[in-house]
């Protein structure tokens, strides 16, 4: 009887594994619990470390090129509450410039993770909500 139970469990395990392998991706939610080294607690079930994580640009600091042109409205409010009268004018920083975007993960960020099919790697696609 014990051998029959073992066989039934093996068949169940094989069927479960087959179902899992047919899923192209699994989506999880997690929370950043450490920044250096990066650790993410996934649905309060497991903690992923840096070697298991692939970070999308959405969740990293990165350099990009920008062209900036600001239009200043007439008048400006000073810190003491007084308004200084000045005409509207344009500020342009000549040409494209390099700029750092500080978008790296911090402790407490809620993130969306996508598990690589059949693997132990998780893509950190984006954070949930804003900061």
N, C-alpha and C. Protein backbone atom coordinates (compact mmCIF):
# COMPACT_ATOMS: atom_id res chain seq x y z
N UNK A 1 0.82 -1.20 0.00
CA UNK A 1 0.00 0.00 0.00
C UNK A 1 0.86 1.26 0.00
N UNK A 2 1.98 1.24 0.74
CA UNK A 2 2.87 2.39 0.79
C UNK A 2 3.46 2.67 -0.57
N UNK A 3 3.77 1.60 -1.34
CA UNK A 3 4.32 1.79 -2.68
C UNK A 3 3.29 2.43 -3.60
N UNK A 4 2.02 2.05 -3.45
CA UNK A 4 0.95 2.63 -4.26
C UNK A 4 0.79 4.11 -3.96
N UNK A 5 0.85 4.49 -2.67
CA UNK A 5 0.76 5.91 -2.30
C UNK A 5 1.94 6.69 -2.88
N UNK A 6 3.11 6.10 -2.85
CA UNK A 6 4.30 6.75 -3.42
C UNK A 6 4.14 6.97 -4.91
N UNK A 7 3.59 5.97 -5.60
CA UNK A 7 3.37 6.07 -7.04
C UNK A 7 2.34 7.16 -7.35
N UNK A 8 1.26 7.21 -6.58
CA UNK A 8 0.24 8.24 -6.78
C UNK A 8 0.84 9.63 -6.58
N UNK A 9 1.65 9.79 -5.55
CA UNK A 9 2.29 11.09 -5.29
C UNK A 9 3.24 11.46 -6.42
N UNK A 10 3.98 10.49 -6.94
CA UNK A 10 4.90 10.76 -8.05
C UNK A 10 4.14 11.20 -9.29
N UNK A 11 3.01 10.56 -9.57
CA UNK A 11 2.20 10.95 -10.73
C UNK A 11 1.63 12.36 -10.53
N UNK A 12 1.15 12.66 -9.32
CA UNK A 12 0.63 14.00 -9.03
C UNK A 12 1.73 15.05 -9.22
N UNK A 13 2.93 14.76 -8.72
CA UNK A 13 4.06 15.69 -8.82
C UNK A 13 4.42 15.92 -10.29
N UNK A 14 4.44 14.83 -11.08
CA UNK A 14 4.75 14.95 -12.52
C UNK A 14 3.70 15.80 -13.23
N UNK A 15 2.43 15.59 -12.90
CA UNK A 15 1.35 16.38 -13.52
C UNK A 15 1.48 17.85 -13.14
N UNK A 16 1.79 18.12 -11.88
CA UNK A 16 1.95 19.51 -11.41
C UNK A 16 3.13 20.16 -12.12
N UNK A 17 4.24 19.44 -12.23
CA UNK A 17 5.42 19.97 -12.91
C UNK A 17 5.13 20.26 -14.38
N UNK A 18 4.38 19.40 -15.02
CA UNK A 18 4.01 19.60 -16.43
C UNK A 18 3.15 20.84 -16.58
N UNK A 19 2.18 21.04 -15.69
CA UNK A 19 1.33 22.25 -15.72
C UNK A 19 2.18 23.49 -15.57
N UNK A 20 3.11 23.47 -14.63
CA UNK A 20 3.96 24.64 -14.38
C UNK A 20 4.85 24.94 -15.58
N UNK A 21 5.39 23.91 -16.21
CA UNK A 21 6.30 24.13 -17.33
C UNK A 21 5.58 24.68 -18.55
N UNK A 22 4.27 24.49 -18.64
CA UNK A 22 3.52 24.99 -19.79
C UNK A 22 3.15 26.46 -19.65
N UNK A 23 3.32 27.04 -18.46
CA UNK A 23 3.03 28.45 -18.26
C UNK A 23 4.22 29.27 -18.78
N UNK A 24 3.97 30.22 -19.70
CA UNK A 24 5.10 30.97 -20.24
C UNK A 24 5.77 31.88 -19.21
N UNK A 25 5.00 32.47 -18.33
CA UNK A 25 5.57 33.34 -17.29
C UNK A 25 4.69 33.29 -16.04
N UNK A 26 5.27 33.66 -14.94
CA UNK A 26 4.52 33.86 -13.71
C UNK A 26 4.81 35.27 -13.23
N UNK A 27 3.76 35.98 -12.81
CA UNK A 27 3.90 37.33 -12.30
C UNK A 27 3.78 37.30 -10.79
N UNK A 28 4.71 38.00 -10.11
CA UNK A 28 4.73 38.06 -8.66
C UNK A 28 4.79 39.52 -8.22
N UNK A 29 4.50 39.74 -6.95
CA UNK A 29 4.63 41.06 -6.36
C UNK A 29 5.57 40.95 -5.18
N UNK A 30 6.40 41.97 -5.01
CA UNK A 30 7.36 41.92 -3.93
C UNK A 30 7.62 43.28 -3.33
N UNK A 31 8.43 43.27 -2.28
CA UNK A 31 8.81 44.52 -1.59
C UNK A 31 10.31 44.51 -1.37
N UNK A 32 10.94 45.64 -1.69
CA UNK A 32 12.38 45.77 -1.48
C UNK A 32 12.64 45.84 0.02
N UNK A 33 13.48 44.92 0.52
CA UNK A 33 13.79 44.90 1.95
C UNK A 33 15.25 45.27 2.22
N UNK A 34 16.07 45.34 1.18
CA UNK A 34 17.46 45.75 1.33
C UNK A 34 17.91 46.35 0.00
N UNK A 35 18.71 47.42 0.09
CA UNK A 35 19.17 48.09 -1.14
C UNK A 35 20.56 47.63 -1.56
N UNK A 36 21.44 47.42 -0.60
CA UNK A 36 22.81 46.99 -0.91
C UNK A 36 23.25 45.96 0.12
N UNK A 37 23.21 44.69 -0.19
CA UNK A 37 22.84 44.12 -1.48
C UNK A 37 21.32 44.14 -1.64
N UNK A 38 20.89 44.20 -2.91
CA UNK A 38 19.46 44.25 -3.22
C UNK A 38 18.80 42.93 -2.83
N UNK A 39 17.71 43.03 -2.06
CA UNK A 39 16.91 41.87 -1.68
C UNK A 39 15.44 42.25 -1.78
N UNK A 40 14.65 41.33 -2.35
CA UNK A 40 13.22 41.56 -2.51
C UNK A 40 12.47 40.39 -1.89
N UNK A 41 11.53 40.73 -0.99
CA UNK A 41 10.66 39.73 -0.37
C UNK A 41 9.47 39.55 -1.29
N UNK A 42 9.30 38.32 -1.80
CA UNK A 42 8.25 38.05 -2.77
C UNK A 42 7.05 37.41 -2.07
N UNK A 43 5.96 38.16 -2.07
CA UNK A 43 4.68 37.69 -1.53
C UNK A 43 4.84 36.99 -0.18
N UNK A 44 5.75 37.46 0.63
CA UNK A 44 6.03 36.95 1.98
C UNK A 44 6.33 35.45 1.98
N UNK A 45 6.83 34.92 0.83
CA UNK A 45 7.12 33.50 0.73
C UNK A 45 8.61 33.22 0.57
N UNK A 46 9.32 34.11 -0.14
CA UNK A 46 10.74 33.89 -0.39
C UNK A 46 11.43 35.23 -0.56
N UNK A 47 12.73 35.23 -0.29
CA UNK A 47 13.55 36.42 -0.46
C UNK A 47 14.51 36.17 -1.61
N UNK A 48 14.47 37.07 -2.60
CA UNK A 48 15.36 36.97 -3.76
C UNK A 48 16.55 37.89 -3.58
N UNK A 49 17.73 37.41 -3.95
CA UNK A 49 18.94 38.22 -3.89
C UNK A 49 19.35 38.71 -5.26
N UNK A 50 20.42 39.52 -5.30
CA UNK A 50 20.88 40.15 -6.53
C UNK A 50 21.12 39.15 -7.66
N UNK A 51 21.67 37.98 -7.34
CA UNK A 51 22.00 37.02 -8.39
C UNK A 51 20.76 36.45 -9.07
N UNK A 52 19.60 36.58 -8.45
CA UNK A 52 18.35 36.07 -9.02
C UNK A 52 17.56 37.14 -9.75
N UNK A 53 18.01 38.39 -9.68
CA UNK A 53 17.22 39.52 -10.19
C UNK A 53 17.82 40.11 -11.45
N UNK A 54 16.96 40.42 -12.41
CA UNK A 54 17.33 41.14 -13.62
C UNK A 54 16.53 42.44 -13.56
N UNK A 55 17.22 43.58 -13.52
CA UNK A 55 16.54 44.86 -13.34
C UNK A 55 16.25 45.54 -14.67
N UNK A 56 14.99 45.90 -14.88
CA UNK A 56 14.62 46.71 -16.03
C UNK A 56 15.07 48.15 -15.77
N UNK A 57 15.24 48.93 -16.82
CA UNK A 57 15.70 50.30 -16.66
C UNK A 57 14.77 51.11 -15.78
N UNK A 58 13.48 50.74 -15.75
CA UNK A 58 12.50 51.46 -14.92
C UNK A 58 12.87 51.49 -13.44
N UNK A 59 13.72 50.58 -13.01
CA UNK A 59 14.02 50.47 -11.57
C UNK A 59 15.51 50.66 -11.30
N UNK A 60 16.21 51.40 -12.19
CA UNK A 60 17.63 51.66 -12.00
C UNK A 60 17.91 53.15 -12.18
N UNK A 61 19.04 53.59 -11.65
CA UNK A 61 19.56 54.92 -11.97
C UNK A 61 20.18 54.80 -13.36
N UNK A 62 19.97 55.80 -14.22
CA UNK A 62 20.56 55.74 -15.55
C UNK A 62 20.79 57.14 -16.11
N UNK A 63 21.71 57.22 -17.06
CA UNK A 63 22.00 58.47 -17.75
C UNK A 63 21.17 58.51 -19.03
N UNK A 64 20.71 59.72 -19.38
CA UNK A 64 19.97 59.90 -20.63
C UNK A 64 20.28 61.30 -21.16
N UNK A 65 19.99 61.52 -22.43
CA UNK A 65 20.20 62.83 -23.05
C UNK A 65 18.86 63.57 -23.06
N UNK A 66 18.90 64.87 -22.72
CA UNK A 66 17.70 65.70 -22.73
C UNK A 66 18.00 67.06 -23.35
N UNK A 67 16.97 67.67 -23.89
CA UNK A 67 17.04 69.06 -24.32
C UNK A 67 16.03 69.80 -23.46
N UNK A 68 16.48 70.87 -22.81
CA UNK A 68 15.65 71.56 -21.83
C UNK A 68 15.35 72.98 -22.30
N UNK A 69 14.08 73.35 -22.18
CA UNK A 69 13.66 74.72 -22.43
C UNK A 69 12.54 75.03 -21.44
N UNK A 70 12.78 75.97 -20.54
CA UNK A 70 11.79 76.35 -19.55
C UNK A 70 11.22 77.72 -19.90
N UNK A 71 9.91 77.88 -19.70
CA UNK A 71 9.29 79.19 -19.81
C UNK A 71 8.92 79.63 -18.40
N UNK A 72 9.41 80.78 -18.02
CA UNK A 72 9.13 81.33 -16.70
C UNK A 72 7.95 82.28 -16.82
N UNK A 73 6.97 82.09 -15.95
CA UNK A 73 5.80 82.97 -15.96
C UNK A 73 6.16 84.33 -15.38
N UNK A 74 5.36 85.31 -15.73
CA UNK A 74 5.58 86.65 -15.19
C UNK A 74 5.38 86.62 -13.69
N UNK A 75 6.28 87.26 -12.98
CA UNK A 75 6.20 87.31 -11.52
C UNK A 75 6.79 86.06 -10.90
N UNK A 76 7.27 86.18 -9.70
CA UNK A 76 7.84 85.05 -8.98
C UNK A 76 7.52 85.21 -7.51
N UNK A 77 7.14 84.16 -6.84
CA UNK A 77 6.82 84.20 -5.43
C UNK A 77 8.08 83.88 -4.64
N UNK A 78 8.48 84.80 -3.77
CA UNK A 78 9.67 84.59 -2.95
C UNK A 78 9.31 83.80 -1.70
N UNK A 79 10.33 83.29 -1.01
CA UNK A 79 10.09 82.46 0.17
C UNK A 79 9.40 83.22 1.29
N UNK A 80 9.53 84.54 1.32
CA UNK A 80 8.86 85.31 2.37
C UNK A 80 7.43 85.69 1.98
N UNK A 81 6.94 85.17 0.83
CA UNK A 81 5.56 85.41 0.42
C UNK A 81 5.37 86.62 -0.47
N UNK A 82 6.42 87.41 -0.70
CA UNK A 82 6.30 88.58 -1.56
C UNK A 82 6.43 88.17 -3.03
N UNK A 83 5.76 88.90 -3.89
CA UNK A 83 5.84 88.64 -5.32
C UNK A 83 6.74 89.69 -5.96
N UNK A 84 7.68 89.22 -6.76
CA UNK A 84 8.56 90.11 -7.51
C UNK A 84 8.05 90.13 -8.94
N UNK A 85 7.89 91.31 -9.49
CA UNK A 85 7.39 91.43 -10.86
C UNK A 85 8.56 91.28 -11.82
N UNK A 86 8.39 90.34 -12.76
CA UNK A 86 9.38 90.18 -13.82
C UNK A 86 8.63 89.68 -15.06
N UNK A 87 9.10 90.02 -16.23
CA UNK A 87 8.40 89.58 -17.44
C UNK A 87 8.61 88.08 -17.68
N UNK A 88 7.66 87.47 -18.40
CA UNK A 88 7.82 86.06 -18.77
C UNK A 88 9.02 85.95 -19.70
N UNK A 89 9.78 84.89 -19.56
CA UNK A 89 10.95 84.70 -20.40
C UNK A 89 11.28 83.21 -20.52
N UNK A 90 12.14 82.90 -21.46
CA UNK A 90 12.48 81.51 -21.75
C UNK A 90 13.93 81.26 -21.36
N UNK A 91 14.16 80.10 -20.70
CA UNK A 91 15.52 79.64 -20.39
C UNK A 91 15.80 78.44 -21.27
N UNK A 92 16.83 78.48 -22.05
CA UNK A 92 17.18 77.33 -22.87
C UNK A 92 18.62 76.95 -22.57
N UNK A 93 18.82 75.68 -22.31
CA UNK A 93 20.17 75.18 -22.10
C UNK A 93 20.60 74.62 -23.44
N UNK A 94 21.57 75.26 -24.06
CA UNK A 94 21.96 74.97 -25.44
C UNK A 94 22.17 73.51 -25.77
N UNK A 95 21.35 72.98 -26.66
CA UNK A 95 21.53 71.63 -27.18
C UNK A 95 21.21 70.54 -26.19
N UNK A 96 21.47 69.33 -26.59
CA UNK A 96 21.20 68.16 -25.74
C UNK A 96 22.27 68.06 -24.66
N UNK A 97 21.85 67.67 -23.49
CA UNK A 97 22.75 67.51 -22.35
C UNK A 97 22.49 66.16 -21.69
N UNK A 98 23.52 65.64 -21.08
CA UNK A 98 23.40 64.38 -20.35
C UNK A 98 22.80 64.65 -18.98
N UNK A 99 21.91 63.76 -18.53
CA UNK A 99 21.26 63.94 -17.24
C UNK A 99 21.11 62.58 -16.55
N UNK A 100 21.35 62.53 -15.25
CA UNK A 100 21.17 61.31 -14.47
C UNK A 100 19.73 61.25 -13.97
N UNK A 101 19.07 60.12 -14.20
CA UNK A 101 17.73 59.88 -13.67
C UNK A 101 17.89 58.96 -12.47
N UNK A 102 17.51 59.45 -11.30
CA UNK A 102 17.63 58.68 -10.06
C UNK A 102 16.34 57.90 -9.87
N UNK A 103 16.35 56.65 -10.35
CA UNK A 103 15.14 55.84 -10.35
C UNK A 103 15.37 54.47 -9.71
N UNK A 104 16.50 54.33 -9.01
CA UNK A 104 16.83 53.05 -8.39
C UNK A 104 15.85 52.68 -7.28
N UNK A 105 15.81 51.40 -6.98
CA UNK A 105 14.91 50.90 -5.94
C UNK A 105 15.40 51.32 -4.56
N UNK A 106 14.44 51.56 -3.67
CA UNK A 106 14.75 51.86 -2.27
C UNK A 106 13.91 50.95 -1.39
N UNK A 107 14.33 50.82 -0.15
CA UNK A 107 13.61 49.98 0.80
C UNK A 107 12.16 50.44 0.89
N UNK A 108 11.24 49.47 0.82
CA UNK A 108 9.81 49.76 0.89
C UNK A 108 9.13 49.83 -0.46
N UNK A 109 9.91 49.95 -1.56
CA UNK A 109 9.29 49.97 -2.88
C UNK A 109 8.55 48.66 -3.12
N UNK A 110 7.34 48.76 -3.65
CA UNK A 110 6.56 47.59 -4.06
C UNK A 110 6.84 47.38 -5.55
N UNK A 111 7.17 46.16 -5.95
CA UNK A 111 7.58 45.91 -7.32
C UNK A 111 6.80 44.77 -7.95
N UNK A 112 6.80 44.77 -9.29
CA UNK A 112 6.22 43.69 -10.10
C UNK A 112 7.37 42.87 -10.64
N UNK A 113 7.32 41.55 -10.43
CA UNK A 113 8.37 40.66 -10.91
C UNK A 113 7.78 39.65 -11.88
N UNK A 114 8.56 39.29 -12.88
CA UNK A 114 8.18 38.27 -13.84
C UNK A 114 9.22 37.17 -13.76
N UNK A 115 8.77 35.94 -13.48
CA UNK A 115 9.71 34.83 -13.36
C UNK A 115 10.02 34.26 -14.74
N UNK A 116 11.29 34.06 -14.99
CA UNK A 116 11.72 33.42 -16.22
C UNK A 116 11.18 32.00 -16.26
N UNK A 117 10.67 31.58 -17.39
CA UNK A 117 10.08 30.25 -17.50
C UNK A 117 11.10 29.18 -17.13
N UNK A 118 10.72 28.35 -16.18
CA UNK A 118 11.55 27.23 -15.78
C UNK A 118 12.84 27.62 -15.09
N UNK A 119 12.99 28.87 -14.74
CA UNK A 119 14.26 29.31 -14.17
C UNK A 119 14.12 29.94 -12.81
N UNK A 120 15.26 30.35 -12.29
CA UNK A 120 15.30 31.00 -10.99
C UNK A 120 15.58 32.49 -11.11
N UNK A 121 15.52 33.04 -12.32
CA UNK A 121 15.72 34.47 -12.53
C UNK A 121 14.37 35.17 -12.55
N UNK A 122 14.35 36.36 -11.96
CA UNK A 122 13.14 37.18 -11.92
C UNK A 122 13.46 38.55 -12.49
N UNK A 123 12.65 38.99 -13.44
CA UNK A 123 12.80 40.34 -14.00
C UNK A 123 12.01 41.29 -13.12
N UNK A 124 12.68 42.31 -12.60
CA UNK A 124 11.98 43.35 -11.83
C UNK A 124 11.53 44.38 -12.87
N UNK A 125 10.25 44.29 -13.25
CA UNK A 125 9.72 45.06 -14.38
C UNK A 125 9.48 46.53 -14.03
N UNK A 126 8.92 46.77 -12.84
CA UNK A 126 8.58 48.16 -12.48
C UNK A 126 8.17 48.20 -11.02
N UNK A 127 8.05 49.41 -10.50
CA UNK A 127 7.51 49.56 -9.15
C UNK A 127 6.02 49.82 -9.25
N UNK A 128 5.31 49.55 -8.19
CA UNK A 128 3.87 49.78 -8.14
C UNK A 128 3.66 51.12 -7.44
N UNK A 129 2.87 51.98 -8.06
CA UNK A 129 2.63 53.29 -7.46
C UNK A 129 3.82 54.21 -7.70
N UNK A 130 3.69 55.40 -7.23
CA UNK A 130 4.75 56.38 -7.43
C UNK A 130 5.45 56.72 -6.14
N UNK A 131 6.52 57.43 -6.30
CA UNK A 131 7.21 57.98 -5.13
C UNK A 131 7.79 59.31 -5.48
